Amino acid sequence: MRVAKGAQIAAGTALLALGVAACGGGGSGSGGSGSDGGTNPRAADGTVYIRGCEPQTGFVPGNINETCGGTINQFVYDQLIKYNTDTAAPELSQAESIESPDNKVWTIKLKPGLKWSDGTPVTAKNYVDAWNYTAYTPNAQNGGWWFGSVEGYGDVATEDPDGADGPKEAPKPAKETMSGLEVIDDLTFKVTLQAPEAVFRTKLGYTTFSPLPDAFFKDPKAFAANPVTNGPFKFVKWDHNSQIVVEAVADYPGAEKPKVKKIVYKMYKDDDAAYADLVSNNLDFTELVPPSALAGDKWKSDLGDRAIEGQQGVIQTMTFPLYDKEFGGNADFRKALSLAIDRKTITDKIFNKGRVPIDGWISPLVEGYKTPGACGEFCTFDPAKAKEYLAKAKAAGYTPPKEYPIWYNGDSAHKEWVDATANSINQALGADAGFTVVGKATPTFAEFRDLITNRKMKGAFRTGWQMDYPSIENFLNPLYKTGAGSNDGEFSDKELDAKLKEADTSTDPAQSILHYQEAEAMLVKEMNAIPLWSYGLQAGTSKWVTGVKVTPFGVLDPLSIAIKEA
């Protein structure tokens, strides 16, 4: 079922592979573009430069739940499963086999000869130790909840009775390890789930399911900034808010080897600066073209054959802090804001039709997506109905603050669309609304995510979801299940949880998808997050590189990029 799903994705992503032809002028800059004489400056030391952003938490896979950290970790860590760079279909990577007779008890065997960057072998124990560490709540790992389906999870995970800011502490778990994880031998381990889960194998390519070496447990904090890794590239250095440098592993055992010697993952204060470096060949890849270059398809004329266009499994939403009564609002208020957003005009004008309005919470690229979407009328621009629902919200006792913010990180290209969204809401609701919606920025993505993680948001905030694996489940459980790691607004609905569990444990794939669709339809009741649009892909390369592939996840395949021969 998953392989067939991947084939469907391929039809939408056929344009993502590009052999780049030489074009454009030279120039100088931090990436070093060389002269106009034709000599490729990248050939001298085998280094390429790609756009990046500051990770929130570092290089511990189980503590990552945001794209800045997740993207760079895909360069340095391997998992049991990898996702095909053309189709997103799950394929074996570090695993030699993953088998289960009932989707409940899984036997996983590793390939022999796998090594960490410090030369030690990758073992089954590395996986079991990592998963137990991540799940154990005193370790405060963002990805701990991903192991909630493993037998014995309740013994290692306890809930803080009054939240992270309350005076009470979560009780110490009864155990430090889950009974559902068992090392069989150096290369084999067994996973027993609490109930059958057909999507379990597909999930094993997600970052949280990475192993950890013995070196990690000696000093987890130091490891986060200077990790030992098992992927095609190894860590060299991290200059905060400037760059991360990784180096190819010479004896990487994967079927495909790195084609460059080193990658510098460069961070920019804004996407216009990154794009300027790309145009002048000082940057070799960016997966994000700013709105200033999208207007009138300027980016296509700027880049020519260096432009990459396609689709990706990424959606944009706007989430409300339900933990804050003043800014969380009520369901009718949230529906009023959604009805006041003119998605089509914003995507046409700001993104030059490079985004597509959505009326549901699922990416159009995954199996289970359906149209019309679950959001229905509440994702349709209707100023009259927006005023009607605002009146209902006020009648129910909710009074919005005089200034209602939509928060975003200022180091990426969000200001234009956030301001346009705020203006759309203000105009639709009119001067009598009693409040004004405004866009507000934090300086960096890391600071933005810290406010979200620490539940300090005072207002709605932009949320985007890049699929971790190609399944409708991935757009629901991580975001909307009670206590899920990426449930940033602390939304909770017992009926929804029950429906998601029904979908999770269904042994019939078609029936499982139907239950997930039913769960999605339940989100419209509270409208805790507003669907906005899905992403097209607009990316580009310098003239110095070739063979570049962007995956259906919207990120660079690090094994595809190569330096052009001079």
Protein backbone atom coordinates (compact mmCIF):
# COMPACT_ATOMS: atom_id res chain seq x y z
CA MET A 1 0.00 0.00 0.00
CA ARG A 2 2.81 2.40 0.85
CA VAL A 3 4.74 1.65 -2.33
CA ALA A 4 1.65 2.36 -4.43
CA LYS A 5 1.28 5.57 -2.49
CA GLY A 6 4.83 6.51 -3.42
CA ALA A 7 4.07 6.01 -7.09
CA GLN A 8 1.25 8.51 -6.79
CA ILE A 9 3.61 11.05 -5.25
CA ALA A 10 6.08 10.60 -8.08
CA ALA A 11 3.59 11.94 -10.58
CA GLY A 12 3.57 15.20 -8.69
CA THR A 13 7.31 15.48 -8.19
CA ALA A 14 8.77 14.54 -11.52
CA LEU A 15 10.18 18.04 -11.96
CA LEU A 16 12.27 17.92 -8.79
CA ALA A 17 15.39 16.42 -10.36
CA LEU A 18 17.56 18.77 -12.37
CA GLY A 19 20.93 18.46 -14.05
CA VAL A 20 22.09 22.05 -13.85
CA ALA A 21 23.60 23.69 -16.91
CA ALA A 22 26.26 26.39 -16.65
CA CYS A 23 24.83 29.89 -16.85
CA GLY A 24 24.95 33.22 -15.09
CA GLY A 25 27.81 35.44 -14.06
CA GLY A 26 30.45 35.16 -11.38
CA GLY A 27 31.18 37.45 -8.49
CA SER A 28 32.63 37.31 -5.03
CA GLY A 29 31.00 36.61 -1.70
CA SER A 30 31.10 34.44 1.37
CA GLY A 31 30.66 31.32 -0.73
CA GLY A 32 33.44 32.23 -3.12
CA SER A 33 32.18 32.14 -6.70
CA GLY A 34 35.52 32.55 -8.47
CA SER A 35 36.19 34.28 -11.75
CA ASP A 36 34.20 34.47 -14.96
CA GLY A 37 36.85 32.50 -16.77
CA GLY A 38 35.11 29.15 -16.35
CA THR A 39 37.18 27.65 -13.51
CA ASN A 40 34.89 26.08 -10.94
CA PRO A 41 35.97 27.31 -7.47
CA ARG A 42 34.12 24.44 -5.82
CA ALA A 43 36.45 21.93 -7.44
CA ALA A 44 39.43 23.14 -5.41
CA ASP A 45 38.33 21.67 -2.09
CA GLY A 46 35.07 19.89 -2.94
CA THR A 47 32.95 22.20 -0.76
CA VAL A 48 29.41 23.32 -1.59
CA TYR A 49 27.25 25.89 0.20
CA ILE A 50 23.54 25.46 0.92
CA ARG A 51 21.02 27.64 2.73
CA GLY A 52 20.24 26.63 6.30
CA CYS A 53 18.80 27.96 9.54
CA GLU A 54 19.67 27.71 13.23
CA PRO A 55 18.46 24.45 14.84
CA GLN A 56 16.48 24.87 18.03
CA THR A 57 17.97 22.02 20.05
CA GLY A 58 21.05 20.61 18.34
CA PHE A 59 21.97 17.13 17.14
CA VAL A 60 20.10 14.72 19.40
CA PRO A 61 17.55 13.10 17.02
CA GLY A 62 14.94 12.37 19.68
CA ASN A 63 14.82 16.02 20.71
CA ILE A 64 14.13 17.47 17.27
CA ASN A 65 10.65 18.48 16.11
CA GLU A 66 11.36 21.41 13.78
CA THR A 67 12.70 21.68 10.25
CA CYS A 68 15.93 23.61 10.88
CA GLY A 69 17.20 20.80 13.08
CA GLY A 70 15.43 18.06 11.16
CA THR A 71 16.91 18.99 7.78
CA ILE A 72 20.53 19.09 8.92
CA ASN A 73 20.11 15.84 10.85
CA GLN A 74 19.10 14.14 7.61
CA PHE A 75 22.64 14.85 6.40
CA VAL A 76 24.40 13.24 9.36
CA TYR A 77 22.11 10.46 10.63
CA ASP A 78 20.80 7.30 9.01
CA GLN A 79 17.70 5.45 10.18
CA LEU A 80 16.34 1.96 9.66
CA ILE A 81 14.25 3.20 6.74
CA LYS A 82 14.92 5.88 4.12
CA TYR A 83 12.39 7.52 1.83
CA ASN A 84 12.94 7.32 -1.91
CA THR A 85 14.13 10.70 -3.17
CA ASP A 86 11.78 10.58 -6.16
CA THR A 87 8.67 8.91 -4.76
CA ALA A 88 8.95 9.13 -0.93
CA ALA A 89 8.29 5.37 -0.78
CA PRO A 90 9.86 3.75 2.32
CA GLU A 91 12.93 1.59 1.59
CA LEU A 92 15.39 -0.29 3.80
CA SER A 93 18.44 1.71 4.87
CA GLN A 94 20.28 0.55 8.01
CA ALA A 95 17.84 -2.32 8.37
CA GLU A 96 18.45 -5.53 6.48
CA SER A 97 14.89 -6.61 7.27
CA ILE A 98 11.84 -5.41 9.20
CA GLU A 99 9.27 -8.15 9.61
CA SER A 100 6.04 -8.74 11.50
CA PRO A 101 3.39 -11.45 11.19
CA ASP A 102 0.71 -9.30 12.83
CA ASN A 103 1.84 -5.62 12.73
CA LYS A 104 2.27 -5.83 16.50
CA VAL A 105 5.50 -7.75 17.11
CA TRP A 106 8.30 -6.56 14.85
CA THR A 107 11.71 -8.16 14.36
CA ILE A 108 14.35 -5.76 13.04
CA LYS A 109 17.72 -6.94 11.75
CA LEU A 110 20.52 -4.49 10.96
CA LYS A 111 22.93 -4.71 8.05
CA PRO A 112 26.40 -5.86 9.13
CA GLY A 113 29.39 -3.50 9.01
CA LEU A 114 27.59 -0.27 9.93
CA LYS A 115 29.76 2.23 11.83
CA TRP A 116 29.57 5.45 13.78
CA SER A 117 31.83 8.34 12.82
CA ASP A 118 34.09 7.47 15.77
CA GLY A 119 34.67 4.01 14.27
CA THR A 120 32.53 2.02 16.70
CA PRO A 121 29.91 -0.38 15.26
CA VAL A 122 26.22 0.46 15.01
CA THR A 123 24.37 -2.18 17.03
CA ALA A 124 20.83 -3.17 17.91
CA LYS A 125 21.55 -1.95 21.43
CA ASN A 126 22.21 1.55 20.04
CA TYR A 127 18.65 1.64 18.75
CA VAL A 128 17.06 0.21 21.89
CA ASP A 129 19.05 2.52 24.19
CA ALA A 130 18.17 5.57 22.07
CA TRP A 131 14.47 4.80 22.00
CA ASN A 132 14.34 4.16 25.74
CA TYR A 133 16.24 7.39 26.45
CA THR A 134 13.91 9.41 24.24
CA ALA A 135 10.75 7.94 25.74
CA TYR A 136 11.84 8.38 29.39
CA THR A 137 10.11 11.62 30.42
CA PRO A 138 12.75 12.89 32.91
CA ASN A 139 15.05 13.25 29.87
CA ALA A 140 12.61 15.85 28.46
CA GLN A 141 12.98 14.86 24.82
CA ASN A 142 10.59 16.49 22.35
CA GLY A 143 10.17 13.21 20.48
CA GLY A 144 9.35 11.02 23.45
CA TRP A 145 5.67 10.67 22.64
CA TRP A 146 6.50 8.97 19.30
CA PHE A 147 7.09 5.77 21.31
CA GLY A 148 3.65 5.86 22.90
CA SER A 149 2.54 2.76 20.99
CA VAL A 150 5.40 0.61 22.32
CA GLU A 151 4.51 -1.85 25.07
CA GLY A 152 5.68 -0.52 28.42
CA TYR A 153 5.63 3.16 27.39
CA GLY A 154 3.37 3.94 30.35
CA ASP A 155 6.10 2.68 32.69
CA VAL A 156 8.70 5.20 31.42
CA ALA A 157 6.47 8.21 30.72
CA THR A 158 4.54 10.23 33.28
CA GLU A 159 2.53 13.42 32.88
CA ASP A 160 3.20 16.69 34.69
CA PRO A 161 -0.01 17.22 36.73
CA ASP A 162 -0.02 21.02 36.39
CA GLY A 163 1.98 21.61 33.22
CA ALA A 164 5.56 22.69 32.71
CA ASP A 165 5.11 26.00 34.56
CA GLY A 166 3.25 24.61 37.59
CA PRO A 167 4.86 24.03 40.97
CA LYS A 168 4.20 20.30 40.96
CA GLU A 169 6.67 17.93 39.33
CA ALA A 170 5.80 14.95 37.22
CA PRO A 171 6.11 11.74 39.22
CA LYS A 172 9.17 9.64 38.52
CA PRO A 173 8.37 6.84 36.06
CA ALA A 174 8.22 3.32 37.41
CA LYS A 175 10.91 2.11 35.00
CA GLU A 176 13.66 3.48 32.74
CA THR A 177 13.16 1.03 29.89
CA MET A 178 10.16 -0.18 27.91
CA SER A 179 9.20 -3.84 28.10
CA GLY A 180 8.40 -3.79 24.39
CA LEU A 181 12.05 -3.36 23.35
CA GLU A 182 14.36 -6.37 23.46
CA VAL A 183 17.90 -6.82 22.12
CA ILE A 184 18.19 -10.29 20.54
CA ASP A 185 21.82 -10.06 19.40
CA ASP A 186 24.28 -7.42 18.15
CA LEU A 187 22.32 -6.90 14.95
CA THR A 188 18.76 -7.84 15.92
CA PHE A 189 16.11 -6.38 18.18
CA LYS A 190 12.41 -6.95 18.72
CA VAL A 191 9.70 -4.34 19.14
CA THR A 192 6.35 -5.26 20.68
CA LEU A 193 3.57 -2.70 20.30
CA GLN A 194 0.51 -2.34 22.50
CA ALA A 195 -1.71 -2.95 19.47
CA PRO A 196 -1.21 -3.63 15.76
CA GLU A 197 0.01 -0.60 13.82
CA ALA A 198 0.28 -0.93 10.05
CA VAL A 199 2.10 2.40 9.60
CA PHE A 200 4.84 1.53 12.12
CA ARG A 201 7.35 0.34 9.51
CA THR A 202 6.85 3.48 7.43
CA LYS A 203 7.50 5.73 10.44
CA LEU A 204 10.93 4.22 11.10
CA GLY A 205 12.61 6.62 8.69
CA TYR A 206 11.69 9.60 10.85
CA THR A 207 14.54 11.32 12.73
CA THR A 208 13.25 10.40 16.21
CA PHE A 209 13.78 6.69 15.46
CA SER A 210 17.53 7.17 14.93
CA PRO A 211 20.02 5.24 17.09
CA LEU A 212 22.47 6.85 19.52
CA PRO A 213 26.08 5.73 20.07
CA ASP A 214 27.54 4.80 23.44
CA ALA A 215 29.40 8.15 23.37
CA PHE A 216 26.11 10.03 23.71
CA PHE A 217 25.35 8.70 27.18
CA LYS A 218 28.65 9.95 28.60
CA ASP A 219 27.60 13.60 28.14
CA PRO A 220 24.28 14.20 26.32
CA LYS A 221 24.56 18.00 26.51
CA ALA A 222 28.02 18.10 24.94
CA PHE A 223 26.95 15.54 22.34
CA ALA A 224 24.10 17.81 21.16
CA ALA A 225 26.67 20.39 20.01
CA ASN A 226 29.35 17.97 18.78
CA PRO A 227 27.76 14.65 17.81
CA VAL A 228 29.04 11.25 16.74
CA THR A 229 26.86 10.28 13.76
CA ASN A 230 26.17 7.39 11.39
CA GLY A 231 25.09 9.05 8.14
CA PRO A 232 26.78 9.91 4.83
CA PHE A 233 28.24 13.11 6.33
CA LYS A 234 29.89 13.63 9.70
CA PHE A 235 29.81 16.71 11.87
CA VAL A 236 32.74 19.15 11.71
CA LYS A 237 31.64 22.33 13.49
CA TRP A 238 28.69 24.54 14.38
CA ASP A 239 29.14 28.31 14.45
CA HIS A 240 25.83 29.39 15.95
CA ASN A 241 23.63 31.57 13.73
CA SER A 242 26.31 31.45 11.06
CA GLN A 243 27.05 28.00 9.68
CA ILE A 244 27.19 24.25 10.25
CA VAL A 245 29.91 22.30 8.46
CA VAL A 246 29.67 18.60 7.64
CA GLU A 247 32.17 16.37 5.84
CA ALA A 248 31.62 13.32 3.64
CA VAL A 249 32.26 9.93 5.23
CA ALA A 250 34.85 8.26 3.02
CA ASP A 251 33.76 4.69 3.77
CA TYR A 252 30.01 5.33 4.02
CA PRO A 253 28.39 1.88 3.53
CA GLY A 254 25.22 3.08 1.78
CA ALA A 255 24.51 2.14 -1.82
CA GLU A 256 24.92 5.78 -2.89
CA LYS A 257 28.00 7.69 -1.76
CA PRO A 258 28.44 11.44 -1.22
CA LYS A 259 29.61 13.24 -4.37
CA VAL A 260 31.10 16.25 -2.59
CA LYS A 261 33.73 16.40 0.14
CA LYS A 262 32.12 18.99 2.38
CA ILE A 263 28.84 20.89 2.81
CA VAL A 264 28.63 24.27 4.51
CA TYR A 265 25.10 24.82 5.77
CA LYS A 266 24.89 28.65 5.75
CA MET A 267 22.47 30.68 7.84
CA TYR A 268 21.02 34.01 6.74
CA LYS A 269 19.18 36.78 8.56
CA ASP A 270 16.62 36.88 5.76
CA ASP A 271 15.77 34.93 2.63
CA ASP A 272 16.36 37.87 0.29
CA ALA A 273 20.04 37.81 1.28
CA ALA A 274 20.23 34.06 0.62
CA TYR A 275 18.54 34.51 -2.74
CA ALA A 276 20.97 37.29 -3.72
CA ASP A 277 23.86 34.96 -2.96
CA LEU A 278 22.22 32.26 -5.07
CA VAL A 279 21.78 34.55 -8.07
CA SER A 280 25.44 35.61 -7.85
CA ASN A 281 26.61 31.98 -7.46
CA ASN A 282 27.88 32.46 -3.90
CA LEU A 283 25.29 29.96 -2.64
CA ASP A 284 24.86 26.58 -4.32
CA PHE A 285 21.31 25.70 -3.23
CA THR A 286 18.24 27.13 -1.56
CA GLU A 287 14.83 25.49 -1.31
CA LEU A 288 13.09 28.79 -0.59
CA VAL A 289 12.64 31.63 -3.08
CA PRO A 290 11.38 34.82 -1.35
CA PRO A 291 8.15 36.54 -2.44
CA SER A 292 10.17 39.46 -3.83
CA ALA A 293 11.59 37.11 -6.47
CA LEU A 294 8.37 35.16 -7.07
CA ALA A 295 6.52 38.27 -8.28
CA GLY A 296 6.15 38.10 -12.03
CA ASP A 297 8.24 34.92 -12.08
CA LYS A 298 11.36 37.05 -11.68
CA TRP A 299 13.18 34.08 -10.15
CA LYS A 300 12.83 32.10 -13.37
CA SER A 301 14.45 34.84 -15.43
CA ASP A 302 17.10 35.36 -12.75
CA LEU A 303 18.06 31.68 -12.59
CA GLY A 304 17.20 30.27 -16.01
CA ASP A 305 18.18 26.60 -16.12
CA ARG A 306 19.18 26.81 -12.47
CA ALA A 307 15.53 27.11 -11.37
CA ILE A 308 13.77 24.04 -9.92
CA GLU A 309 9.98 23.86 -9.79
CA GLY A 310 7.63 21.17 -8.52
CA GLN A 311 5.51 20.15 -5.52
CA GLN A 312 6.23 19.17 -1.95
CA GLY A 313 4.34 17.66 0.98
CA VAL A 314 4.25 20.84 3.05
CA ILE A 315 1.28 22.86 4.27
CA GLN A 316 0.94 26.20 6.09
CA THR A 317 -1.43 26.63 9.01
CA MET A 318 -2.09 29.16 11.77
CA THR A 319 -2.32 27.75 15.29
CA PHE A 320 -3.93 29.17 18.43
CA PRO A 321 -2.53 28.91 21.99
CA LEU A 322 -5.42 27.12 23.65
CA TYR A 323 -3.46 27.20 26.92
CA ASP A 324 -4.00 30.99 27.01
CA LYS A 325 -7.63 32.03 27.55
CA GLU A 326 -7.10 35.60 26.33
CA PHE A 327 -5.39 34.73 23.05
CA GLY A 328 -6.71 31.22 22.48
CA GLY A 329 -10.19 32.56 21.89
CA ASN A 330 -13.14 30.25 21.41
CA ALA A 331 -14.16 28.09 18.45
CA ASP A 332 -16.43 30.74 16.94
CA PHE A 333 -13.69 33.38 17.13
CA ARG A 334 -11.22 31.06 15.43
CA LYS A 335 -13.78 30.25 12.73
CA ALA A 336 -14.41 33.97 12.22
CA LEU A 337 -10.72 34.57 11.55
CA SER A 338 -10.56 31.67 9.12
CA LEU A 339 -13.61 32.93 7.20
CA ALA A 340 -11.97 36.37 6.98
CA ILE A 341 -8.83 35.14 5.19
CA ASP A 342 -8.82 35.58 1.42
CA ARG A 343 -6.51 32.66 0.66
CA LYS A 344 -6.77 32.89 -3.13
CA THR A 345 -5.81 36.57 -3.33
CA ILE A 346 -2.91 36.06 -0.90
CA THR A 347 -1.50 33.05 -2.77
CA ASP A 348 -1.98 34.79 -6.13
CA LYS A 349 -0.47 38.14 -5.13
CA ILE A 350 2.15 37.25 -2.51
CA PHE A 351 3.30 33.89 -3.88
CA ASN A 352 2.50 34.44 -7.58
CA LYS A 353 0.36 31.26 -7.41
CA GLY A 354 3.31 29.33 -5.97
CA ARG A 355 1.05 28.21 -3.10
CA VAL A 356 -2.40 26.62 -3.43
CA PRO A 357 -5.24 27.36 -0.96
CA ILE A 358 -6.35 24.31 1.04
CA ASP A 359 -9.61 23.53 2.77
CA GLY A 360 -8.37 20.77 5.03
CA TRP A 361 -5.46 19.71 7.24
CA ILE A 362 -3.85 17.15 4.88
CA SER A 363 -1.30 17.69 2.09
CA PRO A 364 -2.69 17.01 -1.41
CA LEU A 365 0.33 14.75 -2.01
CA VAL A 366 -0.54 12.02 0.50
CA GLU A 367 -2.95 9.14 0.29
CA GLY A 368 -6.10 9.98 2.20
CA TYR A 369 -6.34 13.55 0.97
CA LYS A 370 -9.77 14.29 -0.41
CA THR A 371 -11.60 17.21 -1.96
CA PRO A 372 -13.62 19.06 -0.91
CA GLY A 373 -11.63 19.16 2.30
CA ALA A 374 -12.73 18.73 5.88
CA CYS A 375 -12.58 22.46 6.66
CA GLY A 376 -15.31 23.13 4.09
CA GLU A 377 -17.14 26.44 4.37
CA PHE A 378 -14.85 27.66 7.17
CA CYS A 379 -11.88 27.80 4.79
CA THR A 380 -13.87 29.84 2.27
CA PHE A 381 -13.52 33.63 2.22
CA ASP A 382 -16.86 34.97 3.45
CA PRO A 383 -16.76 38.36 5.25
CA ALA A 384 -20.47 38.31 6.11
CA LYS A 385 -20.24 34.89 7.74
CA ALA A 386 -16.99 35.95 9.47
CA LYS A 387 -18.84 38.84 11.15
CA GLU A 388 -21.63 36.46 12.10
CA TYR A 389 -19.24 34.08 13.87
CA LEU A 390 -17.40 36.93 15.56
CA ALA A 391 -20.74 38.07 16.99
CA LYS A 392 -21.40 34.51 18.20
CA ALA A 393 -17.96 34.41 19.83
CA LYS A 394 -18.64 37.64 21.72
CA ALA A 395 -22.14 36.51 22.70
CA ALA A 396 -20.58 33.42 24.24
CA GLY A 397 -18.42 35.63 26.44
CA TYR A 398 -15.14 36.00 24.53
CA THR A 399 -13.72 39.51 24.16
CA PRO A 400 -10.62 39.64 21.91
CA PRO A 401 -7.69 41.77 23.06
CA LYS A 402 -7.51 45.17 21.33
CA GLU A 403 -4.45 43.98 19.41
CA TYR A 404 -4.40 40.38 18.27
CA PRO A 405 -0.99 39.22 16.94
CA ILE A 406 -0.06 36.60 14.37
CA TRP A 407 3.52 35.64 15.26
CA TYR A 408 6.22 34.49 12.85
CA ASN A 409 10.01 34.22 12.71
CA GLY A 410 11.59 37.25 11.07
CA ASP A 411 14.61 35.44 9.62
CA SER A 412 12.55 33.85 6.85
CA ALA A 413 10.12 35.13 4.21
CA HIS A 414 6.90 35.29 6.23
CA LYS A 415 6.31 39.00 6.79
CA GLU A 416 4.54 39.59 3.47
CA TRP A 417 1.96 36.85 3.81
CA VAL A 418 1.39 37.36 7.53
CA ASP A 419 0.75 41.08 6.99
CA ALA A 420 -1.53 40.26 4.04
CA THR A 421 -3.44 37.77 6.21
CA ALA A 422 -3.82 40.32 9.00
CA ASN A 423 -5.04 42.96 6.53
CA SER A 424 -7.53 40.52 5.03
CA ILE A 425 -8.99 39.75 8.46
CA ASN A 426 -9.16 43.43 9.45
CA GLN A 427 -10.87 44.46 6.23
CA ALA A 428 -13.32 41.56 6.29
CA LEU A 429 -14.37 42.10 9.91
CA GLY A 430 -14.47 45.88 9.58
CA ALA A 431 -13.82 48.76 11.92
CA ASP A 432 -16.55 47.62 14.32
CA ALA A 433 -14.74 44.35 15.13
CA GLY A 434 -13.29 45.89 18.29
CA PHE A 435 -9.77 44.60 17.71
CA THR A 436 -6.99 44.76 15.16
CA VAL A 437 -4.94 41.82 13.88
CA VAL A 438 -1.23 42.58 13.44
CA GLY A 439 1.80 40.60 12.30
CA LYS A 440 4.60 40.33 14.86
CA ALA A 441 8.06 38.84 14.37
CA THR A 442 10.66 37.21 16.57
CA PRO A 443 14.25 37.74 15.37
CA THR A 444 15.09 34.09 14.70
CA PHE A 445 13.44 30.73 14.14
CA ALA A 446 15.13 29.30 17.25
CA GLU A 447 13.63 32.06 19.43
CA PHE A 448 10.25 31.58 17.76
CA ARG A 449 10.29 27.86 18.47
CA ASP A 450 11.41 28.42 22.07
CA LEU A 451 8.35 30.61 22.69
CA ILE A 452 6.14 27.89 21.23
CA THR A 453 7.81 25.03 23.07
CA ASN A 454 7.69 26.90 26.39
CA ARG A 455 4.01 27.82 25.84
CA LYS A 456 4.69 31.57 25.93
CA MET A 457 2.83 32.58 22.78
CA LYS A 458 0.45 35.52 23.18
CA GLY A 459 -1.53 35.30 19.98
CA ALA A 460 -1.89 33.04 16.97
CA PHE A 461 1.32 31.84 15.34
CA ARG A 462 2.31 30.47 11.97
CA THR A 463 2.79 26.72 11.83
CA GLY A 464 3.95 24.71 8.86
CA TRP A 465 4.09 20.95 8.56
CA GLN A 466 6.57 19.16 6.35
CA MET A 467 5.63 15.50 6.11
CA ASP A 468 7.98 13.17 7.95
CA TYR A 469 6.72 10.19 5.99
CA PRO A 470 4.07 9.84 3.26
CA SER A 471 0.93 9.08 5.27
CA ILE A 472 -2.26 10.88 6.24
CA GLU A 473 -1.49 9.71 9.77
CA ASN A 474 1.56 11.98 9.84
CA PHE A 475 -0.62 15.09 9.41
CA LEU A 476 -2.87 14.15 12.34
CA ASN A 477 -1.27 12.22 15.22
CA PRO A 478 1.84 14.40 15.71
CA LEU A 479 -0.17 17.62 15.57
CA TYR A 480 -3.58 17.00 17.11
CA LYS A 481 -3.45 13.99 19.42
CA THR A 482 -3.52 14.98 23.09
CA GLY A 483 0.05 15.44 24.35
CA ALA A 484 1.67 14.89 20.95
CA GLY A 485 5.14 16.35 20.49
CA SER A 486 4.10 18.87 17.83
CA ASN A 487 0.71 19.75 19.32
CA ASP A 488 1.93 23.31 19.81
CA GLY A 489 -1.39 24.82 20.86
CA GLU A 490 -2.14 22.11 23.47
CA PHE A 491 -5.34 21.07 21.72
CA SER A 492 -7.14 18.12 23.32
CA ASP A 493 -10.27 16.24 22.28
CA LYS A 494 -11.06 12.82 23.72
CA GLU A 495 -13.35 11.88 20.84
CA LEU A 496 -10.66 12.75 18.33
CA ASP A 497 -8.09 10.74 20.30
CA ALA A 498 -10.39 7.72 20.24
CA LYS A 499 -10.92 8.02 16.49
CA LEU A 500 -7.16 8.35 15.87
CA LYS A 501 -6.54 5.25 17.97
CA GLU A 502 -9.16 3.40 15.94
CA ALA A 503 -7.32 4.43 12.76
CA ASP A 504 -3.90 3.58 14.21
CA THR A 505 -4.86 0.04 15.15
CA SER A 506 -6.92 -0.90 12.11
CA THR A 507 -5.38 -3.84 10.22
CA ASP A 508 -7.22 -2.95 7.01
CA PRO A 509 -5.29 -0.11 5.25
CA ALA A 510 -8.39 1.22 3.47
CA GLN A 511 -10.40 1.23 6.69
CA SER A 512 -7.51 2.90 8.51
CA ILE A 513 -7.45 5.75 5.98
CA LEU A 514 -11.22 6.14 6.29
CA HIS A 515 -10.89 6.52 10.07
CA TYR A 516 -8.12 9.10 9.66
CA GLN A 517 -10.38 11.05 7.29
CA GLU A 518 -13.14 10.91 9.89
CA ALA A 519 -10.68 12.21 12.47
CA GLU A 520 -9.67 15.09 10.22
CA ALA A 521 -13.32 16.05 9.79
CA MET A 522 -13.60 16.41 13.58
CA LEU A 523 -11.02 19.22 13.63
CA VAL A 524 -13.49 21.72 12.20
CA LYS A 525 -15.47 21.65 15.46
CA GLU A 526 -12.85 23.54 17.48
CA MET A 527 -10.79 25.00 14.61
CA ASN A 528 -7.70 24.96 16.82
CA ALA A 529 -5.54 25.46 13.72
CA ILE A 530 -6.54 27.24 10.51
CA PRO A 531 -5.51 25.58 7.21
CA LEU A 532 -4.07 28.12 4.77
CA TRP A 533 -2.28 26.68 1.73
CA SER A 534 -0.03 23.93 0.45
CA TYR A 535 3.45 24.63 -0.90
CA GLY A 536 4.62 24.36 -4.42
CA LEU A 537 8.37 24.10 -4.79
CA GLN A 538 10.53 26.96 -5.98
CA ALA A 539 14.21 26.25 -5.49
CA GLY A 540 17.46 27.04 -7.24
CA THR A 541 21.14 26.20 -7.58
CA SER A 542 24.35 27.95 -8.50
CA LYS A 543 26.09 27.33 -11.80
CA TRP A 544 28.81 25.38 -10.01
CA VAL A 545 26.78 22.25 -9.15
CA THR A 546 24.85 19.56 -10.98
CA GLY A 547 22.54 16.58 -10.41
CA VAL A 548 20.54 18.32 -7.67
CA LYS A 549 17.39 16.58 -6.44
CA VAL A 550 14.79 18.00 -4.12
CA THR A 551 12.79 15.29 -2.37
CA PRO A 552 8.99 15.18 -2.05
CA PHE A 553 9.62 16.43 1.49
CA GLY A 554 10.88 19.71 0.03
CA VAL A 555 14.52 19.29 1.10
CA LEU A 556 17.77 18.72 -0.73
CA ASP A 557 18.90 15.13 -1.19
CA PRO A 558 22.48 15.55 0.10
CA LEU A 559 23.70 12.56 -1.91
CA SER A 560 22.53 14.05 -5.20
CA ILE A 561 24.52 17.27 -5.29
CA ALA A 562 27.78 17.16 -7.24
CA ILE A 563 30.33 19.72 -8.39
CA LYS A 564 30.39 20.40 -12.11
CA GLU A 565 33.56 19.59 -13.92
CA ALA A 566 35.43 22.73 -14.93
